[in-house]
Amino acid sequence: MAWTWPTAAFFIFILVALITMGVWERVSPGGNPRRGILGLDTTRGDRLFISIIGSAFIHLGWLGIMGTPLWGAVAISIVFALVVFIWV
């Protein structure tokens, strides 16, 4: 893996997401699981994990089918993450 600006931005995003989730949990504890449309009981951390893993697969699929640039995959991943946090 080449260390480029997009790679660094990805890892910085992961770090910022984890810090944000930690602060959010500290300010407003929300450890109670919520049942979503898939019938899964998930917490905020679970939904963050699902959205990050799903976004990784979206990007891999985009690279395999469309190639670069990845702006379309980024847009789809943002919509996917919003859907996961709202309905899953």
PDB file of N, CA and C in Angstrom:
ATOM      1  N   MET A   1       0.845  -1.160   0.000  1.00  0.00           N
ATOM      2  CA  MET A   1       0.000   0.000   0.000  1.00  0.00           C
ATOM      3  C   MET A   1       0.900   1.235   0.000  1.00  0.00           C
ATOM      4  N   ALA A   2       0.652   2.096  -0.922  1.00  0.00           N
ATOM      5  CA  ALA A   2       1.425   3.335  -1.015  1.00  0.00           C
ATOM      6  C   ALA A   2       0.864   4.376  -0.056  1.00  0.00           C
ATOM      7  N   TRP A   3       1.747   5.073   0.630  1.00  0.00           N
ATOM      8  CA  TRP A   3       1.313   6.130   1.535  1.00  0.00           C
ATOM      9  C   TRP A   3       1.150   7.412   0.750  1.00  0.00           C
ATOM     10  N   THR A   4      -0.072   7.648   0.350  1.00  0.00           N
ATOM     11  CA  THR A   4      -0.408   8.853  -0.393  1.00  0.00           C
ATOM     12  C   THR A   4      -1.326   9.706   0.476  1.00  0.00           C
ATOM     13  N   TRP A   5      -1.675  10.898  -0.013  1.00  0.00           N
ATOM     14  CA  TRP A   5      -2.603  11.760   0.735  1.00  0.00           C
ATOM     15  C   TRP A   5      -3.959  11.102   0.934  1.00  0.00           C
ATOM     16  N   PRO A   6      -4.532  10.429  -0.071  1.00  0.00           N
ATOM     17  CA  PRO A   6      -5.808   9.761   0.167  1.00  0.00           C
ATOM     18  C   PRO A   6      -5.722   8.659   1.229  1.00  0.00           C
ATOM     19  N   THR A   7      -4.594   7.932   1.246  1.00  0.00           N
ATOM     20  CA  THR A   7      -4.408   6.901   2.270  1.00  0.00           C
ATOM     21  C   THR A   7      -4.324   7.533   3.647  1.00  0.00           C
ATOM     22  N   ALA A   8      -3.552   8.589   3.765  1.00  0.00           N
ATOM     23  CA  ALA A   8      -3.444   9.293   5.045  1.00  0.00           C
ATOM     24  C   ALA A   8      -4.796   9.870   5.458  1.00  0.00           C
ATOM     25  N   ALA A   9      -5.547  10.405   4.508  1.00  0.00           N
ATOM     26  CA  ALA A   9      -6.870  10.963   4.819  1.00  0.00           C
ATOM     27  C   ALA A   9      -7.801   9.874   5.337  1.00  0.00           C
ATOM     28  N   PHE A  10      -7.710   8.670   4.776  1.00  0.00           N
ATOM     29  CA  PHE A  10      -8.537   7.557   5.237  1.00  0.00           C
ATOM     30  C   PHE A  10      -8.250   7.240   6.704  1.00  0.00           C
ATOM     31  N   PHE A  11      -6.975   7.098   7.052  1.00  0.00           N
ATOM     32  CA  PHE A  11      -6.634   6.759   8.429  1.00  0.00           C
ATOM     33  C   PHE A  11      -6.932   7.916   9.380  1.00  0.00           C
ATOM     34  N   ILE A  12      -6.771   9.141   8.927  1.00  0.00           N
ATOM     35  CA  ILE A  12      -7.146  10.291   9.751  1.00  0.00           C
ATOM     36  C   ILE A  12      -8.647  10.298   9.989  1.00  0.00           C
ATOM     37  N   PHE A  13      -9.430   9.965   8.949  1.00  0.00           N
ATOM     38  CA  PHE A  13     -10.881   9.884   9.110  1.00  0.00           C
ATOM     39  C   PHE A  13     -11.261   8.828  10.144  1.00  0.00           C
ATOM     40  N   ILE A  14     -10.627   7.660  10.095  1.00  0.00           N
ATOM     41  CA  ILE A  14     -10.916   6.600  11.069  1.00  0.00           C
ATOM     42  C   ILE A  14     -10.613   7.107  12.477  1.00  0.00           C
ATOM     43  N   LEU A  15      -9.476   7.763  12.665  1.00  0.00           N
ATOM     44  CA  LEU A  15      -9.119   8.296  13.976  1.00  0.00           C
ATOM     45  C   LEU A  15     -10.121   9.343  14.447  1.00  0.00           C
ATOM     46  N   VAL A  16     -10.492  10.261  13.562  1.00  0.00           N
ATOM     47  CA  VAL A  16     -11.465  11.302  13.916  1.00  0.00           C
ATOM     48  C   VAL A  16     -12.831  10.684  14.240  1.00  0.00           C
ATOM     49  N   ALA A  17     -13.230   9.660  13.482  1.00  0.00           N
ATOM     50  CA  ALA A  17     -14.507   8.993  13.747  1.00  0.00           C
ATOM     51  C   ALA A  17     -14.501   8.327  15.121  1.00  0.00           C
ATOM     52  N   LEU A  18     -13.413   7.671  15.475  1.00  0.00           N
ATOM     53  CA  LEU A  18     -13.328   7.028  16.789  1.00  0.00           C
ATOM     54  C   LEU A  18     -13.325   8.058  17.919  1.00  0.00           C
ATOM     55  N   ILE A  19     -12.600   9.141  17.737  1.00  0.00           N
ATOM     56  CA  ILE A  19     -12.583  10.194  18.760  1.00  0.00           C
ATOM     57  C   ILE A  19     -13.968  10.822  18.897  1.00  0.00           C
ATOM     58  N   THR A  20     -14.616  11.093  17.760  1.00  0.00           N
ATOM     59  CA  THR A  20     -15.963  11.674  17.790  1.00  0.00           C
ATOM     60  C   THR A  20     -16.950  10.750  18.489  1.00  0.00           C
ATOM     61  N   MET A  21     -16.865   9.456  18.197  1.00  0.00           N
ATOM     62  CA  MET A  21     -17.766   8.503  18.848  1.00  0.00           C
ATOM     63  C   MET A  21     -17.490   8.439  20.352  1.00  0.00           C
ATOM     64  N   GLY A  22     -16.223   8.531  20.746  1.00  0.00           N
ATOM     65  CA  GLY A  22     -15.890   8.529  22.170  1.00  0.00           C
ATOM     66  C   GLY A  22     -16.441   9.747  22.888  1.00  0.00           C
ATOM     67  N   VAL A  23     -16.293  10.911  22.265  1.00  0.00           N
ATOM     68  CA  VAL A  23     -16.826  12.141  22.859  1.00  0.00           C
ATOM     69  C   VAL A  23     -18.347  12.090  22.908  1.00  0.00           C
ATOM     70  N   TRP A  24     -18.966  11.628  21.821  1.00  0.00           N
ATOM     71  CA  TRP A  24     -20.431  11.519  21.769  1.00  0.00           C
ATOM     72  C   TRP A  24     -20.937  10.589  22.871  1.00  0.00           C
ATOM     73  N   GLU A  25     -20.254   9.468  23.076  1.00  0.00           N
ATOM     74  CA  GLU A  25     -20.662   8.521  24.111  1.00  0.00           C
ATOM     75  C   GLU A  25     -20.475   9.131  25.501  1.00  0.00           C
ATOM     76  N   ARG A  26     -19.429   9.916  25.678  1.00  0.00           N
ATOM     77  CA  ARG A  26     -19.181  10.543  26.975  1.00  0.00           C
ATOM     78  C   ARG A  26     -20.244  11.598  27.288  1.00  0.00           C
ATOM     79  N   VAL A  27     -20.612  12.398  26.276  1.00  0.00           N
ATOM     80  CA  VAL A  27     -21.592  13.466  26.462  1.00  0.00           C
ATOM     81  C   VAL A  27     -22.999  12.891  26.600  1.00  0.00           C
ATOM     82  N   SER A  28     -23.347  11.939  25.755  1.00  0.00           N
ATOM     83  CA  SER A  28     -24.687  11.364  25.740  1.00  0.00           C
ATOM     84  C   SER A  28     -24.596   9.846  25.676  1.00  0.00           C
ATOM     85  N   PRO A  29     -24.498   9.206  26.849  1.00  0.00           N
ATOM     86  CA  PRO A  29     -24.370   7.744  26.835  1.00  0.00           C
ATOM     87  C   PRO A  29     -25.558   7.097  26.125  1.00  0.00           C
ATOM     88  N   GLY A  30     -25.240   6.241  25.171  1.00  0.00           N
ATOM     89  CA  GLY A  30     -26.290   5.590  24.398  1.00  0.00           C
ATOM     90  C   GLY A  30     -25.995   4.119  24.215  1.00  0.00           C
ATOM     91  N   GLY A  31     -25.672   3.449  25.300  1.00  0.00           N
ATOM     92  CA  GLY A  31     -25.295   2.053  25.214  1.00  0.00           C
ATOM     93  C   GLY A  31     -26.444   1.101  24.960  1.00  0.00           C
ATOM     94  N   ASN A  32     -27.677   1.619  25.004  1.00  0.00           N
ATOM     95  CA  ASN A  32     -28.817   0.743  24.779  1.00  0.00           C
ATOM     96  C   ASN A  32     -28.908   0.357  23.306  1.00  0.00           C
ATOM     97  N   PRO A  33     -28.965  -0.932  23.021  1.00  0.00           N
ATOM     98  CA  PRO A  33     -29.099  -1.355  21.618  1.00  0.00           C
ATOM     99  C   PRO A  33     -30.428  -0.902  21.019  1.00  0.00           C
ATOM    100  N   ARG A  34     -30.414  -0.690  19.717  1.00  0.00           N
ATOM    101  CA  ARG A  34     -31.598  -0.293  18.979  1.00  0.00           C
ATOM    102  C   ARG A  34     -31.848  -1.322  17.891  1.00  0.00           C
ATOM    103  N   ARG A  35     -33.103  -1.723  17.725  1.00  0.00           N
ATOM    104  CA  ARG A  35     -33.440  -2.702  16.696  1.00  0.00           C
ATOM    105  C   ARG A  35     -33.769  -1.965  15.410  1.00  0.00           C
ATOM    106  N   GLY A  36     -33.033  -2.303  14.340  1.00  0.00           N
ATOM    107  CA  GLY A  36     -33.216  -1.640  13.061  1.00  0.00           C
ATOM    108  C   GLY A  36     -34.060  -2.459  12.099  1.00  0.00           C
ATOM    109  N   ILE A  37     -34.058  -2.041  10.840  1.00  0.00           N
ATOM    110  CA  ILE A  37     -34.897  -2.690   9.840  1.00  0.00           C
ATOM    111  C   ILE A  37     -34.417  -4.098   9.506  1.00  0.00           C
ATOM    112  N   LEU A  38     -33.153  -4.400   9.774  1.00  0.00           N
ATOM    113  CA  LEU A  38     -32.650  -5.748   9.514  1.00  0.00           C
ATOM    114  C   LEU A  38     -32.928  -6.702  10.671  1.00  0.00           C
ATOM    115  N   GLY A  39     -33.494  -6.179  11.747  1.00  0.00           N
ATOM    116  CA  GLY A  39     -33.783  -7.010  12.908  1.00  0.00           C
ATOM    117  C   GLY A  39     -32.577  -7.215  13.810  1.00  0.00           C
ATOM    118  N   LEU A  40     -31.526  -6.438  13.599  1.00  0.00           N
ATOM    119  CA  LEU A  40     -30.332  -6.543  14.431  1.00  0.00           C
ATOM    120  C   LEU A  40     -30.398  -5.525  15.564  1.00  0.00           C
ATOM    121  N   ASP A  41     -29.940  -5.930  16.735  1.00  0.00           N
ATOM    122  CA  ASP A  41     -29.790  -4.994  17.839  1.00  0.00           C
ATOM    123  C   ASP A  41     -28.393  -4.398  17.742  1.00  0.00           C
ATOM    124  N   THR A  42     -28.307  -3.090  17.468  1.00  0.00           N
ATOM    125  CA  THR A  42     -27.006  -2.448  17.286  1.00  0.00           C
ATOM    126  C   THR A  42     -26.876  -1.211  18.157  1.00  0.00           C
ATOM    127  N   THR A  43     -25.642  -0.949  18.569  1.00  0.00           N
ATOM    128  CA  THR A  43     -25.317   0.281  19.278  1.00  0.00           C
ATOM    129  C   THR A  43     -24.640   1.229  18.289  1.00  0.00           C
ATOM    130  N   ARG A  44     -24.300   2.423  18.746  1.00  0.00           N
ATOM    131  CA  ARG A  44     -23.617   3.380  17.864  1.00  0.00           C
ATOM    132  C   ARG A  44     -22.309   2.816  17.332  1.00  0.00           C
ATOM    133  N   GLY A  45     -21.558   2.161  18.193  1.00  0.00           N
ATOM    134  CA  GLY A  45     -20.281   1.579  17.778  1.00  0.00           C
ATOM    135  C   GLY A  45     -20.463   0.499  16.723  1.00  0.00           C
ATOM    136  N   ASP A  46     -21.502  -0.322  16.900  1.00  0.00           N
ATOM    137  CA  ASP A  46     -21.801  -1.345  15.892  1.00  0.00           C
ATOM    138  C   ASP A  46     -22.117  -0.706  14.545  1.00  0.00           C
ATOM    139  N   ARG A  47     -22.914   0.344  14.575  1.00  0.00           N
ATOM    140  CA  ARG A  47     -23.293   1.014  13.325  1.00  0.00           C
ATOM    141  C   ARG A  47     -22.087   1.688  12.673  1.00  0.00           C
ATOM    142  N   LEU A  48     -21.166   2.236  13.485  1.00  0.00           N
ATOM    143  CA  LEU A  48     -19.934   2.803  12.930  1.00  0.00           C
ATOM    144  C   LEU A  48     -19.109   1.712  12.259  1.00  0.00           C
ATOM    145  N   PHE A  49     -18.967   0.570  12.919  1.00  0.00           N
ATOM    146  CA  PHE A  49     -18.201  -0.541  12.359  1.00  0.00           C
ATOM    147  C   PHE A  49     -18.828  -1.037  11.055  1.00  0.00           C
ATOM    148  N   ILE A  50     -20.149  -1.201  11.043  1.00  0.00           N
ATOM    149  CA  ILE A  50     -20.843  -1.652   9.829  1.00  0.00           C
ATOM    150  C   ILE A  50     -20.638  -0.659   8.695  1.00  0.00           C
ATOM    151  N   SER A  51     -20.718   0.640   8.999  1.00  0.00           N
ATOM    152  CA  SER A  51     -20.563   1.642   7.937  1.00  0.00           C
ATOM    153  C   SER A  51     -19.131   1.697   7.416  1.00  0.00           C
ATOM    154  N   ILE A  52     -18.130   1.513   8.281  1.00  0.00           N
ATOM    155  CA  ILE A  52     -16.739   1.531   7.827  1.00  0.00           C
ATOM    156  C   ILE A  52     -16.429   0.303   6.982  1.00  0.00           C
ATOM    157  N   ILE A  53     -16.848  -0.874   7.442  1.00  0.00           N
ATOM    158  CA  ILE A  53     -16.602  -2.100   6.673  1.00  0.00           C
ATOM    159  C   ILE A  53     -17.363  -2.052   5.348  1.00  0.00           C
ATOM    160  N   GLY A  54     -18.610  -1.610   5.385  1.00  0.00           N
ATOM    161  CA  GLY A  54     -19.393  -1.497   4.155  1.00  0.00           C
ATOM    162  C   GLY A  54     -18.766  -0.521   3.171  1.00  0.00           C
ATOM    163  N   SER A  55     -18.259   0.587   3.680  1.00  0.00           N
ATOM    164  CA  SER A  55     -17.609   1.572   2.810  1.00  0.00           C
ATOM    165  C   SER A  55     -16.343   1.001   2.179  1.00  0.00           C
ATOM    166  N   ALA A  56     -15.607   0.190   2.935  1.00  0.00           N
ATOM    167  CA  ALA A  56     -14.413  -0.445   2.362  1.00  0.00           C
ATOM    168  C   ALA A  56     -14.800  -1.347   1.191  1.00  0.00           C
ATOM    169  N   PHE A  57     -15.865  -2.131   1.357  1.00  0.00           N
ATOM    170  CA  PHE A  57     -16.311  -3.003   0.271  1.00  0.00           C
ATOM    171  C   PHE A  57     -16.869  -2.210  -0.907  1.00  0.00           C
ATOM    172  N   ILE A  58     -17.543  -1.103  -0.632  1.00  0.00           N
ATOM    173  CA  ILE A  58     -18.032  -0.240  -1.716  1.00  0.00           C
ATOM    174  C   ILE A  58     -16.855   0.288  -2.525  1.00  0.00           C
ATOM    175  N   HIS A  59     -15.805   0.724  -1.849  1.00  0.00           N
ATOM    176  CA  HIS A  59     -14.631   1.244  -2.553  1.00  0.00           C
ATOM    177  C   HIS A  59     -13.923   0.144  -3.348  1.00  0.00           C
ATOM    178  N   LEU A  60     -13.805  -1.043  -2.771  1.00  0.00           N
ATOM    179  CA  LEU A  60     -13.172  -2.145  -3.509  1.00  0.00           C
ATOM    180  C   LEU A  60     -13.988  -2.520  -4.740  1.00  0.00           C
ATOM    181  N   GLY A  61     -15.299  -2.576  -4.587  1.00  0.00           N
ATOM    182  CA  GLY A  61     -16.160  -2.872  -5.728  1.00  0.00           C
ATOM    183  C   GLY A  61     -16.061  -1.804  -6.800  1.00  0.00           C
ATOM    184  N   TRP A  62     -16.018  -0.553  -6.379  1.00  0.00           N
ATOM    185  CA  TRP A  62     -15.901   0.554  -7.336  1.00  0.00           C
ATOM    186  C   TRP A  62     -14.576   0.446  -8.099  1.00  0.00           C
ATOM    187  N   LEU A  63     -13.495   0.171  -7.369  1.00  0.00           N
ATOM    188  CA  LEU A  63     -12.197   0.032  -8.035  1.00  0.00           C
ATOM    189  C   LEU A  63     -12.204  -1.120  -9.031  1.00  0.00           C
ATOM    190  N   GLY A  64     -12.842  -2.227  -8.662  1.00  0.00           N
ATOM    191  CA  GLY A  64     -12.885  -3.384  -9.544  1.00  0.00           C
ATOM    192  C   GLY A  64     -13.730  -3.172 -10.782  1.00  0.00           C
ATOM    193  N   ILE A  65     -14.793  -2.398 -10.653  1.00  0.00           N
ATOM    194  CA  ILE A  65     -15.722  -2.216 -11.778  1.00  0.00           C
ATOM    195  C   ILE A  65     -15.424  -0.934 -12.555  1.00  0.00           C
ATOM    196  N   MET A  66     -15.254   0.177 -11.853  1.00  0.00           N
ATOM    197  CA  MET A  66     -15.131   1.484 -12.509  1.00  0.00           C
ATOM    198  C   MET A  66     -13.695   2.002 -12.582  1.00  0.00           C
ATOM    199  N   GLY A  67     -12.846   1.604 -11.649  1.00  0.00           N
ATOM    200  CA  GLY A  67     -11.488   2.148 -11.589  1.00  0.00           C
ATOM    201  C   GLY A  67     -11.472   3.478 -10.851  1.00  0.00           C
ATOM    202  N   THR A  68     -10.463   4.258 -11.141  1.00  0.00           N
ATOM    203  CA  THR A  68     -10.362   5.564 -10.490  1.00  0.00           C
ATOM    204  C   THR A  68     -10.993   6.623 -11.376  1.00  0.00           C
ATOM    205  N   PRO A  69     -11.385   7.760 -10.871  1.00  0.00           N
ATOM    206  CA  PRO A  69     -11.345   8.286  -9.511  1.00  0.00           C
ATOM    207  C   PRO A  69     -12.449   7.683  -8.637  1.00  0.00           C
ATOM    208  N   LEU A  70     -12.296   7.866  -7.352  1.00  0.00           N
ATOM    209  CA  LEU A  70     -13.184   7.231  -6.378  1.00  0.00           C
ATOM    210  C   LEU A  70     -14.271   8.149  -5.832  1.00  0.00           C
ATOM    211  N   TRP A  71     -14.511   9.289  -6.425  1.00  0.00           N
ATOM    212  CA  TRP A  71     -15.498  10.228  -5.887  1.00  0.00           C
ATOM    213  C   TRP A  71     -16.896   9.625  -5.853  1.00  0.00           C
ATOM    214  N   GLY A  72     -17.228   8.811  -6.821  1.00  0.00           N
ATOM    215  CA  GLY A  72     -18.532   8.145  -6.812  1.00  0.00           C
ATOM    216  C   GLY A  72     -18.660   7.192  -5.641  1.00  0.00           C
ATOM    217  N   ALA A  73     -17.588   6.449  -5.349  1.00  0.00           N
ATOM    218  CA  ALA A  73     -17.589   5.528  -4.214  1.00  0.00           C
ATOM    219  C   ALA A  73     -17.686   6.284  -2.894  1.00  0.00           C
ATOM    220  N   VAL A  74     -17.050   7.442  -2.823  1.00  0.00           N
ATOM    221  CA  VAL A  74     -17.138   8.259  -1.609  1.00  0.00           C
ATOM    222  C   VAL A  74     -18.580   8.716  -1.389  1.00  0.00           C
ATOM    223  N   ALA A  75     -19.225   9.168  -2.443  1.00  0.00           N
ATOM    224  CA  ALA A  75     -20.620   9.622  -2.332  1.00  0.00           C
ATOM    225  C   ALA A  75     -21.531   8.476  -1.913  1.00  0.00           C
ATOM    226  N   ILE A  76     -21.361   7.314  -2.524  1.00  0.00           N
ATOM    227  CA  ILE A  76     -22.175   6.145  -2.158  1.00  0.00           C
ATOM    228  C   ILE A  76     -21.904   5.748  -0.715  1.00  0.00           C
ATOM    229  N   SER A  77     -20.650   5.804  -0.288  1.00  0.00           N
ATOM    230  CA  SER A  77     -20.298   5.432   1.089  1.00  0.00           C
ATOM    231  C   SER A  77     -20.909   6.376   2.114  1.00  0.00           C
ATOM    232  N   ILE A  78     -20.953   7.661   1.798  1.00  0.00           N
ATOM    233  CA  ILE A  78     -21.568   8.626   2.720  1.00  0.00           C
ATOM    234  C   ILE A  78     -23.060   8.344   2.852  1.00  0.00           C
ATOM    235  N   VAL A  79     -23.718   8.096   1.733  1.00  0.00           N
ATOM    236  CA  VAL A  79     -25.148   7.765   1.776  1.00  0.00           C
ATOM    237  C   VAL A  79     -25.356   6.461   2.539  1.00  0.00           C
ATOM    238  N   PHE A  80     -24.494   5.465   2.300  1.00  0.00           N
ATOM    239  CA  PHE A  80     -24.582   4.184   3.012  1.00  0.00           C
ATOM    240  C   PHE A  80     -24.446   4.387   4.520  1.00  0.00           C
ATOM    241  N   ALA A  81     -23.460   5.190   4.941  1.00  0.00           N
ATOM    242  CA  ALA A  81     -23.254   5.436   6.367  1.00  0.00           C
ATOM    243  C   ALA A  81     -24.456   6.133   6.989  1.00  0.00           C
ATOM    244  N   LEU A  82     -25.022   7.088   6.292  1.00  0.00           N
ATOM    245  CA  LEU A  82     -26.234   7.761   6.805  1.00  0.00           C
ATOM    246  C   LEU A  82     -27.386   6.781   6.948  1.00  0.00           C
ATOM    247  N   VAL A  83     -27.569   5.923   5.955  1.00  0.00           N
ATOM    248  CA  VAL A  83     -28.638   4.922   6.033  1.00  0.00           C
ATOM    249  C   VAL A  83     -28.408   3.978   7.212  1.00  0.00           C
ATOM    250  N   VAL A  84     -27.163   3.555   7.399  1.00  0.00           N
ATOM    251  CA  VAL A  84     -26.854   2.649   8.518  1.00  0.00           C
ATOM    252  C   VAL A  84     -27.139   3.330   9.846  1.00  0.00           C
ATOM    253  N   PHE A  85     -26.734   4.572  10.002  1.00  0.00           N
ATOM    254  CA  PHE A  85     -26.927   5.239  11.289  1.00  0.00           C
ATOM    255  C   PHE A  85     -28.401   5.593  11.538  1.00  0.00           C
ATOM    256  N   ILE A  86     -29.162   5.786  10.492  1.00  0.00           N
ATOM    257  CA  ILE A  86     -30.564   6.149  10.680  1.00  0.00           C
ATOM    258  C   ILE A  86     -31.470   4.924  10.846  1.00  0.00           C
ATOM    259  N   TRP A  87     -31.294   3.920   9.981  1.00  0.00           N
ATOM    260  CA  TRP A  87     -32.272   2.821   9.936  1.00  0.00           C
ATOM    261  C   TRP A  87     -31.777   1.464  10.390  1.00  0.00           C
ATOM    262  N   VAL A  88     -30.486   1.250  10.540  1.00  0.00           N
ATOM    263  CA  VAL A  88     -30.030  -0.104  10.913  1.00  0.00           C
ATOM    264  C   VAL A  88     -29.882  -0.203  12.406  1.00  0.00           C
TER     265      VAL A  88
END
